[in-house]
Amino acid sequence: MLIAFSVAPSGAPANGAVNPDGSVHDAVAAAVAVVRASGLPHRTTSMFTEVEGEWDEVFAVVKAATDAVLPFGSRVSLVLKADIRPGHTGEIDGKIERLEAAVESIQRSEPGASDGR
């Protein structure tokens, strides 16, 4: 399965620390460090982190990443999307490869594509 998730703190942290610019990059870094340490295939973009694996291992990583963010605020927001497709692996890259091939196919079939315009 593939999980795309985003986790972020809100509210004042228990230790009273203040974050004047409102950035959550330190909290996100703590979550991403957990994902990277998991050894599971993953990808982080500007909005989400994707993780691929079996149900229990993926959700254990999401829980640990969420726990890593808890110290940065009085509450945590978690957004999660899952693609559950039993029997398939390598989809974190496979889906992108199929998409890129489809885009290239469309671009090749557009008017003017064959004559260099």
PDB file of N, CA and C in Angstrom:
ATOM      1  N   MET A   1       0.826  -1.180   0.000  1.00  0.00           N
ATOM      2  CA  MET A   1       0.000   0.000   0.000  1.00  0.00           C
ATOM      3  C   MET A   1       0.865   1.236   0.000  1.00  0.00           C
ATOM      4  N   LEU A   2       0.284   2.302  -0.517  1.00  0.00           N
ATOM      5  CA  LEU A   2       0.934   3.614  -0.475  1.00  0.00           C
ATOM      6  C   LEU A   2       0.143   4.506   0.471  1.00  0.00           C
ATOM      7  N   ILE A   3       0.862   5.235   1.292  1.00  0.00           N
ATOM      8  CA  ILE A   3       0.241   6.229   2.171  1.00  0.00           C
ATOM      9  C   ILE A   3       0.889   7.566   1.855  1.00  0.00           C
ATOM     10  N   ALA A   4       0.066   8.573   1.630  1.00  0.00           N
ATOM     11  CA  ALA A   4       0.543   9.950   1.541  1.00  0.00           C
ATOM     12  C   ALA A   4       0.030  10.645   2.786  1.00  0.00           C
ATOM     13  N   PHE A   5       0.936  11.247   3.542  1.00  0.00           N
ATOM     14  CA  PHE A   5       0.474  11.910   4.749  1.00  0.00           C
ATOM     15  C   PHE A   5       1.208  13.212   4.989  1.00  0.00           C
ATOM     16  N   SER A   6       0.532  14.056   5.735  1.00  0.00           N
ATOM     17  CA  SER A   6       1.091  15.339   6.155  1.00  0.00           C
ATOM     18  C   SER A   6       0.758  15.491   7.628  1.00  0.00           C
ATOM     19  N   VAL A   7       1.744  15.811   8.404  1.00  0.00           N
ATOM     20  CA  VAL A   7       1.534  15.981   9.840  1.00  0.00           C
ATOM     21  C   VAL A   7       2.154  17.304  10.262  1.00  0.00           C
ATOM     22  N   ALA A   8       1.405  18.069  11.071  1.00  0.00           N
ATOM     23  CA  ALA A   8       1.893  19.384  11.480  1.00  0.00           C
ATOM     24  C   ALA A   8       1.352  19.739  12.861  1.00  0.00           C
ATOM     25  N   PRO A   9       2.169  20.422  13.648  1.00  0.00           N
ATOM     26  CA  PRO A   9       1.708  20.842  14.966  1.00  0.00           C
ATOM     27  C   PRO A   9       0.903  22.132  14.880  1.00  0.00           C
ATOM     28  N   SER A  10       0.130  22.383  15.901  1.00  0.00           N
ATOM     29  CA  SER A  10      -0.514  23.685  16.064  1.00  0.00           C
ATOM     30  C   SER A  10      -0.604  23.972  17.559  1.00  0.00           C
ATOM     31  N   GLY A  11      -0.813  25.214  17.883  1.00  0.00           N
ATOM     32  CA  GLY A  11      -0.853  25.603  19.287  1.00  0.00           C
ATOM     33  C   GLY A  11       0.537  25.707  19.872  1.00  0.00           C
ATOM     34  N   ALA A  12       0.601  26.262  21.047  1.00  0.00           N
ATOM     35  CA  ALA A  12       1.891  26.457  21.725  1.00  0.00           C
ATOM     36  C   ALA A  12       2.416  25.133  22.256  1.00  0.00           C
ATOM     37  N   PRO A  13       3.705  24.886  22.079  1.00  0.00           N
ATOM     38  CA  PRO A  13       4.278  23.655  22.627  1.00  0.00           C
ATOM     39  C   PRO A  13       4.264  23.680  24.159  1.00  0.00           C
ATOM     40  N   ALA A  14       4.282  22.508  24.756  1.00  0.00           N
ATOM     41  CA  ALA A  14       4.225  22.377  26.217  1.00  0.00           C
ATOM     42  C   ALA A  14       5.403  23.072  26.892  1.00  0.00           C
ATOM     43  N   ASN A  15       6.548  23.146  26.218  1.00  0.00           N
ATOM     44  CA  ASN A  15       7.727  23.762  26.846  1.00  0.00           C
ATOM     45  C   ASN A  15       7.706  25.285  26.752  1.00  0.00           C
ATOM     46  N   GLY A  16       6.638  25.856  26.165  1.00  0.00           N
ATOM     47  CA  GLY A  16       6.503  27.305  26.080  1.00  0.00           C
ATOM     48  C   GLY A  16       7.326  27.956  24.990  1.00  0.00           C
ATOM     49  N   ALA A  17       7.991  27.177  24.164  1.00  0.00           N
ATOM     50  CA  ALA A  17       8.808  27.735  23.084  1.00  0.00           C
ATOM     51  C   ALA A  17       7.923  28.538  22.126  1.00  0.00           C
ATOM     52  N   VAL A  18       8.491  29.587  21.576  1.00  0.00           N
ATOM     53  CA  VAL A  18       7.768  30.447  20.655  1.00  0.00           C
ATOM     54  C   VAL A  18       8.406  30.330  19.274  1.00  0.00           C
ATOM     55  N   ASN A  19       7.578  30.271  18.257  1.00  0.00           N
ATOM     56  CA  ASN A  19       8.049  30.198  16.879  1.00  0.00           C
ATOM     57  C   ASN A  19       7.515  31.439  16.167  1.00  0.00           C
ATOM     58  N   PRO A  20       8.292  32.518  16.138  1.00  0.00           N
ATOM     59  CA  PRO A  20       7.773  33.795  15.641  1.00  0.00           C
ATOM     60  C   PRO A  20       7.344  33.798  14.174  1.00  0.00           C
ATOM     61  N   ASP A  21       7.953  32.977  13.313  1.00  0.00           N
ATOM     62  CA  ASP A  21       7.561  33.005  11.900  1.00  0.00           C
ATOM     63  C   ASP A  21       6.478  31.985  11.565  1.00  0.00           C
ATOM     64  N   GLY A  22       6.059  31.190  12.533  1.00  0.00           N
ATOM     65  CA  GLY A  22       4.992  30.226  12.313  1.00  0.00           C
ATOM     66  C   GLY A  22       5.396  29.013  11.501  1.00  0.00           C
ATOM     67  N   SER A  23       6.666  28.891  11.175  1.00  0.00           N
ATOM     68  CA  SER A  23       7.125  27.773  10.368  1.00  0.00           C
ATOM     69  C   SER A  23       7.057  26.466  11.159  1.00  0.00           C
ATOM     70  N   VAL A  24       6.775  25.392  10.455  1.00  0.00           N
ATOM     71  CA  VAL A  24       6.722  24.072  11.083  1.00  0.00           C
ATOM     72  C   VAL A  24       7.832  23.158  10.566  1.00  0.00           C
ATOM     73  N   HIS A  25       8.863  23.750   9.939  1.00  0.00           N
ATOM     74  CA  HIS A  25       9.880  22.900   9.311  1.00  0.00           C
ATOM     75  C   HIS A  25      10.633  22.019  10.306  1.00  0.00           C
ATOM     76  N   ASP A  26      10.845  22.481  11.523  1.00  0.00           N
ATOM     77  CA  ASP A  26      11.533  21.628  12.505  1.00  0.00           C
ATOM     78  C   ASP A  26      10.682  20.410  12.870  1.00  0.00           C
ATOM     79  N   ALA A  27       9.384  20.622  13.025  1.00  0.00           N
ATOM     80  CA  ALA A  27       8.481  19.510  13.331  1.00  0.00           C
ATOM     81  C   ALA A  27       8.398  18.543  12.163  1.00  0.00           C
ATOM     82  N   VAL A  28       8.299  19.084  10.959  1.00  0.00           N
ATOM     83  CA  VAL A  28       8.243  18.229   9.770  1.00  0.00           C
ATOM     84  C   VAL A  28       9.546  17.450   9.623  1.00  0.00           C
ATOM     85  N   ALA A  29      10.661  18.088   9.922  1.00  0.00           N
ATOM     86  CA  ALA A  29      11.958  17.395   9.857  1.00  0.00           C
ATOM     87  C   ALA A  29      11.988  16.211  10.827  1.00  0.00           C
ATOM     88  N   ALA A  30      11.408  16.389  12.006  1.00  0.00           N
ATOM     89  CA  ALA A  30      11.360  15.288  12.976  1.00  0.00           C
ATOM     90  C   ALA A  30      10.546  14.127  12.419  1.00  0.00           C
ATOM     91  N   ALA A  31       9.437  14.430  11.757  1.00  0.00           N
ATOM     92  CA  ALA A  31       8.603  13.382  11.163  1.00  0.00           C
ATOM     93  C   ALA A  31       9.319  12.699   9.999  1.00  0.00           C
ATOM     94  N   VAL A  32       9.955  13.479   9.149  1.00  0.00           N
ATOM     95  CA  VAL A  32      10.661  12.914   7.991  1.00  0.00           C
ATOM     96  C   VAL A  32      11.833  12.044   8.446  1.00  0.00           C
ATOM     97  N   ALA A  33      12.497  12.436   9.518  1.00  0.00           N
ATOM     98  CA  ALA A  33      13.595  11.608  10.051  1.00  0.00           C
ATOM     99  C   ALA A  33      13.086  10.228  10.452  1.00  0.00           C
ATOM    100  N   VAL A  34      11.894  10.173  11.027  1.00  0.00           N
ATOM    101  CA  VAL A  34      11.287   8.889  11.395  1.00  0.00           C
ATOM    102  C   VAL A  34      11.029   8.047  10.140  1.00  0.00           C
ATOM    103  N   VAL A  35      10.488   8.693   9.117  1.00  0.00           N
ATOM    104  CA  VAL A  35      10.195   7.975   7.866  1.00  0.00           C
ATOM    105  C   VAL A  35      11.485   7.428   7.260  1.00  0.00           C
ATOM    106  N   ARG A  36      12.500   8.255   7.191  1.00  0.00           N
ATOM    107  CA  ARG A  36      13.774   7.814   6.601  1.00  0.00           C
ATOM    108  C   ARG A  36      14.398   6.675   7.390  1.00  0.00           C
ATOM    109  N   ALA A  37      14.283   6.720   8.702  1.00  0.00           N
ATOM    110  CA  ALA A  37      14.853   5.665   9.542  1.00  0.00           C
ATOM    111  C   ALA A  37      14.085   4.348   9.413  1.00  0.00           C
ATOM    112  N   SER A  38      12.873   4.402   8.895  1.00  0.00           N
ATOM    113  CA  SER A  38      12.046   3.193   8.793  1.00  0.00           C
ATOM    114  C   SER A  38      12.596   2.188   7.785  1.00  0.00           C
ATOM    115  N   GLY A  39      13.332   2.675   6.788  1.00  0.00           N
ATOM    116  CA  GLY A  39      13.834   1.793   5.744  1.00  0.00           C
ATOM    117  C   GLY A  39      12.818   1.489   4.656  1.00  0.00           C
ATOM    118  N   LEU A  40      11.599   1.988   4.789  1.00  0.00           N
ATOM    119  CA  LEU A  40      10.578   1.753   3.768  1.00  0.00           C
ATOM    120  C   LEU A  40      10.790   2.715   2.595  1.00  0.00           C
ATOM    121  N   PRO A  41      10.377   2.314   1.399  1.00  0.00           N
ATOM    122  CA  PRO A  41      10.441   3.244   0.271  1.00  0.00           C
ATOM    123  C   PRO A  41       9.602   4.482   0.597  1.00  0.00           C
ATOM    124  N   HIS A  42      10.142   5.664   0.316  1.00  0.00           N
ATOM    125  CA  HIS A  42       9.435   6.894   0.662  1.00  0.00           C
ATOM    126  C   HIS A  42       9.846   8.025  -0.268  1.00  0.00           C
ATOM    127  N   ARG A  43       9.049   9.078  -0.255  1.00  0.00           N
ATOM    128  CA  ARG A  43       9.332  10.288  -1.030  1.00  0.00           C
ATOM    129  C   ARG A  43       8.683  11.441  -0.286  1.00  0.00           C
ATOM    130  N   THR A  44       9.422  12.527  -0.117  1.00  0.00           N
ATOM    131  CA  THR A  44       8.868  13.720   0.522  1.00  0.00           C
ATOM    132  C   THR A  44       8.826  14.844  -0.500  1.00  0.00           C
ATOM    133  N   THR A  45       7.680  15.507  -0.580  1.00  0.00           N
ATOM    134  CA  THR A  45       7.515  16.671  -1.436  1.00  0.00           C
ATOM    135  C   THR A  45       7.188  17.867  -0.544  1.00  0.00           C
ATOM    136  N   SER A  46       6.886  18.977  -1.145  1.00  0.00           N
ATOM    137  CA  SER A  46       6.614  20.185  -0.361  1.00  0.00           C
ATOM    138  C   SER A  46       5.333  20.087   0.455  1.00  0.00           C
ATOM    139  N   MET A  47       4.450  19.150   0.134  1.00  0.00           N
ATOM    140  CA  MET A  47       3.167  19.066   0.822  1.00  0.00           C
ATOM    141  C   MET A  47       2.923  17.748   1.562  1.00  0.00           C
ATOM    142  N   PHE A  48       3.494  16.658   1.083  1.00  0.00           N
ATOM    143  CA  PHE A  48       3.210  15.342   1.662  1.00  0.00           C
ATOM    144  C   PHE A  48       4.462  14.484   1.681  1.00  0.00           C
ATOM    145  N   THR A  49       4.397  13.445   2.501  1.00  0.00           N
ATOM    146  CA  THR A  49       5.388  12.380   2.467  1.00  0.00           C
ATOM    147  C   THR A  49       4.650  11.108   2.097  1.00  0.00           C
ATOM    148  N   GLU A  50       5.186  10.376   1.128  1.00  0.00           N
ATOM    149  CA  GLU A  50       4.618   9.105   0.711  1.00  0.00           C
ATOM    150  C   GLU A  50       5.482   7.985   1.265  1.00  0.00           C
ATOM    151  N   VAL A  51       4.826   6.916   1.709  1.00  0.00           N
ATOM    152  CA  VAL A  51       5.525   5.741   2.233  1.00  0.00           C
ATOM    153  C   VAL A  51       4.847   4.517   1.635  1.00  0.00           C
ATOM    154  N   GLU A  52       5.662   3.516   1.258  1.00  0.00           N
ATOM    155  CA  GLU A  52       5.121   2.281   0.690  1.00  0.00           C
ATOM    156  C   GLU A  52       5.517   1.098   1.550  1.00  0.00           C
ATOM    157  N   GLY A  53       4.572   0.199   1.772  1.00  0.00           N
ATOM    158  CA  GLY A  53       4.851  -1.015   2.531  1.00  0.00           C
ATOM    159  C   GLY A  53       3.563  -1.733   2.862  1.00  0.00           C
ATOM    160  N   GLU A  54       3.663  -2.666   3.782  1.00  0.00           N
ATOM    161  CA  GLU A  54       2.483  -3.393   4.252  1.00  0.00           C
ATOM    162  C   GLU A  54       1.711  -2.529   5.245  1.00  0.00           C
ATOM    163  N   TRP A  55       0.430  -2.818   5.374  1.00  0.00           N
ATOM    164  CA  TRP A  55      -0.487  -2.033   6.206  1.00  0.00           C
ATOM    165  C   TRP A  55       0.109  -1.719   7.581  1.00  0.00           C
ATOM    166  N   ASP A  56       0.478  -2.740   8.335  1.00  0.00           N
ATOM    167  CA  ASP A  56       0.941  -2.538   9.714  1.00  0.00           C
ATOM    168  C   ASP A  56       2.235  -1.739   9.788  1.00  0.00           C
ATOM    169  N   GLU A  57       3.161  -1.992   8.885  1.00  0.00           N
ATOM    170  CA  GLU A  57       4.428  -1.272   8.952  1.00  0.00           C
ATOM    171  C   GLU A  57       4.270   0.191   8.537  1.00  0.00           C
ATOM    172  N   VAL A  58       3.425   0.453   7.543  1.00  0.00           N
ATOM    173  CA  VAL A  58       3.214   1.825   7.094  1.00  0.00           C
ATOM    174  C   VAL A  58       2.509   2.643   8.185  1.00  0.00           C
ATOM    175  N   PHE A  59       1.473   2.055   8.778  1.00  0.00           N
ATOM    176  CA  PHE A  59       0.761   2.797   9.819  1.00  0.00           C
ATOM    177  C   PHE A  59       1.611   2.967  11.078  1.00  0.00           C
ATOM    178  N   ALA A  60       2.509   2.048  11.342  1.00  0.00           N
ATOM    179  CA  ALA A  60       3.431   2.221  12.475  1.00  0.00           C
ATOM    180  C   ALA A  60       4.346   3.421  12.227  1.00  0.00           C
ATOM    181  N   VAL A  61       4.787   3.605  10.980  1.00  0.00           N
ATOM    182  CA  VAL A  61       5.633   4.758  10.640  1.00  0.00           C
ATOM    183  C   VAL A  61       4.840   6.055  10.774  1.00  0.00           C
ATOM    184  N   VAL A  62       3.605   6.063  10.295  1.00  0.00           N
ATOM    185  CA  VAL A  62       2.772   7.269  10.413  1.00  0.00           C
ATOM    186  C   VAL A  62       2.555   7.615  11.882  1.00  0.00           C
ATOM    187  N   LYS A  63       2.294   6.631  12.715  1.00  0.00           N
ATOM    188  CA  LYS A  63       2.104   6.885  14.145  1.00  0.00           C
ATOM    189  C   LYS A  63       3.380   7.435  14.768  1.00  0.00           C
ATOM    190  N   ALA A  64       4.516   6.818  14.461  1.00  0.00           N
ATOM    191  CA  ALA A  64       5.791   7.287  15.028  1.00  0.00           C
ATOM    192  C   ALA A  64       6.120   8.702  14.544  1.00  0.00           C
ATOM    193  N   ALA A  65       5.830   9.003  13.283  1.00  0.00           N
ATOM    194  CA  ALA A  65       6.075  10.347  12.758  1.00  0.00           C
ATOM    195  C   ALA A  65       5.168  11.359  13.448  1.00  0.00           C
ATOM    196  N   THR A  66       3.927  10.980  13.687  1.00  0.00           N
ATOM    197  CA  THR A  66       2.993  11.852  14.403  1.00  0.00           C
ATOM    198  C   THR A  66       3.482  12.082  15.828  1.00  0.00           C
ATOM    199  N   ASP A  67       3.919  11.036  16.483  1.00  0.00           N
ATOM    200  CA  ASP A  67       4.457  11.160  17.849  1.00  0.00           C
ATOM    201  C   ASP A  67       5.667  12.079  17.883  1.00  0.00           C
ATOM    202  N   ALA A  68       6.473  12.058  16.822  1.00  0.00           N
ATOM    203  CA  ALA A  68       7.666  12.915  16.763  1.00  0.00           C
ATOM    204  C   ALA A  68       7.308  14.394  16.670  1.00  0.00           C
ATOM    205  N   VAL A  69       6.123  14.696  16.170  1.00  0.00           N
ATOM    206  CA  VAL A  69       5.677  16.079  16.010  1.00  0.00           C
ATOM    207  C   VAL A  69       4.997  16.604  17.278  1.00  0.00           C
ATOM    208  N   LEU A  70       4.503  15.733  18.121  1.00  0.00           N
ATOM    209  CA  LEU A  70       3.765  16.142  19.329  1.00  0.00           C
ATOM    210  C   LEU A  70       4.479  17.190  20.186  1.00  0.00           C
ATOM    211  N   PRO A  71       5.784  17.101  20.393  1.00  0.00           N
ATOM    212  CA  PRO A  71       6.439  18.096  21.251  1.00  0.00           C
ATOM    213  C   PRO A  71       6.442  19.517  20.687  1.00  0.00           C
ATOM    214  N   PHE A  72       6.098  19.683  19.426  1.00  0.00           N
ATOM    215  CA  PHE A  72       6.180  20.989  18.786  1.00  0.00           C
ATOM    216  C   PHE A  72       4.897  21.813  18.904  1.00  0.00           C
ATOM    217  N   GLY A  73       3.866  21.282  19.511  1.00  0.00           N
ATOM    218  CA  GLY A  73       2.613  22.014  19.671  1.00  0.00           C
ATOM    219  C   GLY A  73       1.716  21.362  20.706  1.00  0.00           C
ATOM    220  N   SER A  74       0.591  22.008  20.966  1.00  0.00           N
ATOM    221  CA  SER A  74      -0.354  21.448  21.928  1.00  0.00           C
ATOM    222  C   SER A  74      -1.303  20.447  21.260  1.00  0.00           C
ATOM    223  N   ARG A  75      -1.272  20.416  19.932  1.00  0.00           N
ATOM    224  CA  ARG A  75      -2.060  19.438  19.185  1.00  0.00           C
ATOM    225  C   ARG A  75      -1.378  19.182  17.836  1.00  0.00           C
ATOM    226  N   VAL A  76      -1.815  18.128  17.170  1.00  0.00           N
ATOM    227  CA  VAL A  76      -1.218  17.740  15.894  1.00  0.00           C
ATOM    228  C   VAL A  76      -2.341  17.471  14.894  1.00  0.00           C
ATOM    229  N   SER A  77      -2.139  17.938  13.669  1.00  0.00           N
ATOM    230  CA  SER A  77      -3.057  17.673  12.573  1.00  0.00           C
ATOM    231  C   SER A  77      -2.417  16.636  11.660  1.00  0.00           C
ATOM    232  N   LEU A  78      -3.193  15.627  11.299  1.00  0.00           N
ATOM    233  CA  LEU A  78      -2.711  14.567  10.407  1.00  0.00           C
ATOM    234  C   LEU A  78      -3.676  14.440   9.235  1.00  0.00           C
ATOM    235  N   VAL A  79      -3.140  14.563   8.026  1.00  0.00           N
ATOM    236  CA  VAL A  79      -3.907  14.334   6.800  1.00  0.00           C
ATOM    237  C   VAL A  79      -3.316  13.087   6.157  1.00  0.00           C
ATOM    238  N   LEU A  80      -4.182  12.162   5.770  1.00  0.00           N
ATOM    239  CA  LEU A  80      -3.702  10.881   5.265  1.00  0.00           C
ATOM    240  C   LEU A  80      -4.545  10.425   4.078  1.00  0.00           C
ATOM    241  N   LYS A  81      -3.870   9.914   3.063  1.00  0.00           N
ATOM    242  CA  LYS A  81      -4.536   9.312   1.910  1.00  0.00           C
ATOM    243  C   LYS A  81      -3.848   7.986   1.640  1.00  0.00           C
ATOM    244  N   ALA A  82      -4.632   6.942   1.377  1.00  0.00           N
ATOM    245  CA  ALA A  82      -4.059   5.615   1.166  1.00  0.00           C
ATOM    246  C   ALA A  82      -4.504   5.028  -0.164  1.00  0.00           C
ATOM    247  N   ASP A  83      -3.584   4.330  -0.819  1.00  0.00           N
ATOM    248  CA  ASP A  83      -3.872   3.548  -2.014  1.00  0.00           C
ATOM    249  C   ASP A  83      -3.582   2.101  -1.640  1.00  0.00           C
ATOM    250  N   ILE A  84      -4.642   1.346  -1.397  1.00  0.00           N
ATOM    251  CA  ILE A  84      -4.511  -0.029  -0.921  1.00  0.00           C
ATOM    252  C   ILE A  84      -4.729  -0.956  -2.114  1.00  0.00           C
ATOM    253  N   ARG A  85      -3.639  -1.587  -2.535  1.00  0.00           N
ATOM    254  CA  ARG A  85      -3.677  -2.439  -3.731  1.00  0.00           C
ATOM    255  C   ARG A  85      -2.890  -3.719  -3.444  1.00  0.00           C
ATOM    256  N   PRO A  86      -3.546  -4.698  -2.825  1.00  0.00           N
ATOM    257  CA  PRO A  86      -2.856  -5.936  -2.441  1.00  0.00           C
ATOM    258  C   PRO A  86      -2.138  -6.595  -3.618  1.00  0.00           C
ATOM    259  N   GLY A  87      -0.953  -7.110  -3.326  1.00  0.00           N
ATOM    260  CA  GLY A  87      -0.191  -7.842  -4.327  1.00  0.00           C
ATOM    261  C   GLY A  87       0.692  -6.982  -5.208  1.00  0.00           C
ATOM    262  N   HIS A  88       0.680  -5.665  -5.001  1.00  0.00           N
ATOM    263  CA  HIS A  88       1.503  -4.777  -5.813  1.00  0.00           C
ATOM    264  C   HIS A  88       2.567  -4.115  -4.954  1.00  0.00           C
ATOM    265  N   THR A  89       3.781  -4.110  -5.457  1.00  0.00           N
ATOM    266  CA  THR A  89       4.878  -3.408  -4.791  1.00  0.00           C
ATOM    267  C   THR A  89       5.570  -2.533  -5.828  1.00  0.00           C
ATOM    268  N   GLY A  90       6.392  -1.627  -5.370  1.00  0.00           N
ATOM    269  CA  GLY A  90       7.119  -0.758  -6.284  1.00  0.00           C
ATOM    270  C   GLY A  90       6.248   0.319  -6.901  1.00  0.00           C
ATOM    271  N   GLU A  91       5.080   0.548  -6.348  1.00  0.00           N
ATOM    272  CA  GLU A  91       4.152   1.517  -6.926  1.00  0.00           C
ATOM    273  C   GLU A  91       4.543   2.967  -6.638  1.00  0.00           C
ATOM    274  N   ILE A  92       5.369   3.197  -5.635  1.00  0.00           N
ATOM    275  CA  ILE A  92       5.790   4.564  -5.346  1.00  0.00           C
ATOM    276  C   ILE A  92       6.525   5.162  -6.549  1.00  0.00           C
ATOM    277  N   ASP A  93       7.232   4.323  -7.283  1.00  0.00           N
ATOM    278  CA  ASP A  93       7.889   4.761  -8.515  1.00  0.00           C
ATOM    279  C   ASP A  93       7.086   4.355  -9.749  1.00  0.00           C
ATOM    280  N   GLY A  94       6.454   3.194  -9.715  1.00  0.00           N
ATOM    281  CA  GLY A  94       5.723   2.684 -10.867  1.00  0.00           C
ATOM    282  C   GLY A  94       4.604   3.596 -11.328  1.00  0.00           C
ATOM    283  N   LYS A  95       3.862   4.165 -10.390  1.00  0.00           N
ATOM    284  CA  LYS A  95       2.767   5.065 -10.758  1.00  0.00           C
ATOM    285  C   LYS A  95       3.297   6.304 -11.476  1.00  0.00           C
ATOM    286  N   ILE A  96       4.421   6.837 -11.008  1.00  0.00           N
ATOM    287  CA  ILE A  96       5.022   8.023 -11.628  1.00  0.00           C
ATOM    288  C   ILE A  96       5.547   7.674 -13.024  1.00  0.00           C
ATOM    289  N   GLU A  97       6.192   6.519 -13.150  1.00  0.00           N
ATOM    290  CA  GLU A  97       6.717   6.102 -14.450  1.00  0.00           C
ATOM    291  C   GLU A  97       5.588   5.950 -15.470  1.00  0.00           C
ATOM    292  N   ARG A  98       4.459   5.358 -15.071  1.00  0.00           N
ATOM    293  CA  ARG A  98       3.325   5.201 -15.987  1.00  0.00           C
ATOM    294  C   ARG A  98       2.727   6.554 -16.351  1.00  0.00           C
ATOM    295  N   LEU A  99       2.653   7.457 -15.395  1.00  0.00           N
ATOM    296  CA  LEU A  99       2.141   8.796 -15.661  1.00  0.00           C
ATOM    297  C   LEU A  99       3.018   9.526 -16.671  1.00  0.00           C
ATOM    298  N   GLU A 100       4.336   9.497 -16.448  1.00  0.00           N
ATOM    299  CA  GLU A 100       5.258  10.186 -17.357  1.00  0.00           C
ATOM    300  C   GLU A 100       5.179   9.607 -18.765  1.00  0.00           C
ATOM    301  N   ALA A 101       5.055   8.302 -18.879  1.00  0.00           N
ATOM    302  CA  ALA A 101       4.922   7.668 -20.199  1.00  0.00           C
ATOM    303  C   ALA A 101       3.640   8.125 -20.878  1.00  0.00           C
ATOM    304  N   ALA A 102       2.563   8.243 -20.123  1.00  0.00           N
ATOM    305  CA  ALA A 102       1.291   8.693 -20.696  1.00  0.00           C
ATOM    306  C   ALA A 102       1.382  10.149 -21.148  1.00  0.00           C
ATOM    307  N   VAL A 103       2.023  11.000 -20.362  1.00  0.00           N
ATOM    308  CA  VAL A 103       2.194  12.401 -20.744  1.00  0.00           C
ATOM    309  C   VAL A 103       3.025  12.502 -22.019  1.00  0.00           C
ATOM    310  N   GLU A 104       4.122  11.754 -22.088  1.00  0.00           N
ATOM    311  CA  GLU A 104       4.963  11.762 -23.291  1.00  0.00           C
ATOM    312  C   GLU A 104       4.182  11.298 -24.507  1.00  0.00           C
ATOM    313  N   SER A 105       3.340  10.289 -24.343  1.00  0.00           N
ATOM    314  CA  SER A 105       2.531   9.789 -25.441  1.00  0.00           C
ATOM    315  C   SER A 105       1.572  10.862 -25.950  1.00  0.00           C
ATOM    316  N   ILE A 106       0.960  11.580 -25.033  1.00  0.00           N
ATOM    317  CA  ILE A 106       0.048  12.665 -25.413  1.00  0.00           C
ATOM    318  C   ILE A 106       0.810  13.762 -26.142  1.00  0.00           C
ATOM    319  N   GLN A 107       1.968  14.130 -25.617  1.00  0.00           N
ATOM    320  CA  GLN A 107       2.753  15.198 -26.235  1.00  0.00           C
ATOM    321  C   GLN A 107       3.203  14.813 -27.637  1.00  0.00           C
ATOM    322  N   ARG A 108       3.546  13.545 -27.857  1.00  0.00           N
ATOM    323  CA  ARG A 108       3.972  13.087 -29.182  1.00  0.00           C
ATOM    324  C   ARG A 108       2.831  13.112 -30.183  1.00  0.00           C
ATOM    325  N   SER A 109       1.601  12.947 -29.695  1.00  0.00           N
ATOM    326  CA  SER A 109       0.451  12.890 -30.604  1.00  0.00           C
ATOM    327  C   SER A 109      -0.193  14.248 -30.833  1.00  0.00           C
ATOM    328  N   GLU A 110       0.299  15.286 -30.170  1.00  0.00           N
ATOM    329  CA  GLU A 110      -0.259  16.626 -30.363  1.00  0.00           C
ATOM    330  C   GLU A 110       0.128  17.166 -31.744  1.00  0.00           C
ATOM    331  N   PRO A 111      -0.763  17.977 -32.334  1.00  0.00           N
ATOM    332  CA  PRO A 111      -0.438  18.577 -33.634  1.00  0.00           C
ATOM    333  C   PRO A 111       0.876  19.359 -33.567  1.00  0.00           C
ATOM    334  N   GLY A 112       1.715  19.181 -34.545  1.00  0.00           N
ATOM    335  CA  GLY A 112       2.998  19.885 -34.596  1.00  0.00           C
ATOM    336  C   GLY A 112       4.111  19.201 -33.840  1.00  0.00           C
ATOM    337  N   ALA A 113       3.780  18.127 -33.101  1.00  0.00           N
ATOM    338  CA  ALA A 113       4.806  17.458 -32.311  1.00  0.00           C
ATOM    339  C   ALA A 113       5.830  16.737 -33.185  1.00  0.00           C
ATOM    340  N   SER A 114       5.394  16.200 -34.313  1.00  0.00           N
ATOM    341  CA  SER A 114       6.323  15.436 -35.150  1.00  0.00           C
ATOM    342  C   SER A 114       7.191  16.309 -36.045  1.00  0.00           C
ATOM    343  N   ASP A 115       6.780  17.559 -36.301  1.00  0.00           N
ATOM    344  CA  ASP A 115       7.563  18.383 -37.188  1.00  0.00           C
ATOM    345  C   ASP A 115       8.407  19.434 -36.442  1.00  0.00           C
ATOM    346  N   GLY A 116       8.515  19.273 -35.101  1.00  0.00           N
ATOM    347  CA  GLY A 116       9.401  20.139 -34.332  1.00  0.00           C
ATOM    348  C   GLY A 116       8.803  21.465 -33.921  1.00  0.00           C
ATOM    349  N   ARG A 117       7.510  21.699 -34.212  1.00  0.00           N
ATOM    350  CA  ARG A 117       6.886  22.963 -33.799  1.00  0.00           C
ATOM    351  C   ARG A 117       6.401  22.914 -32.404  1.00  0.00           C
TER     352      ARG A 117
END
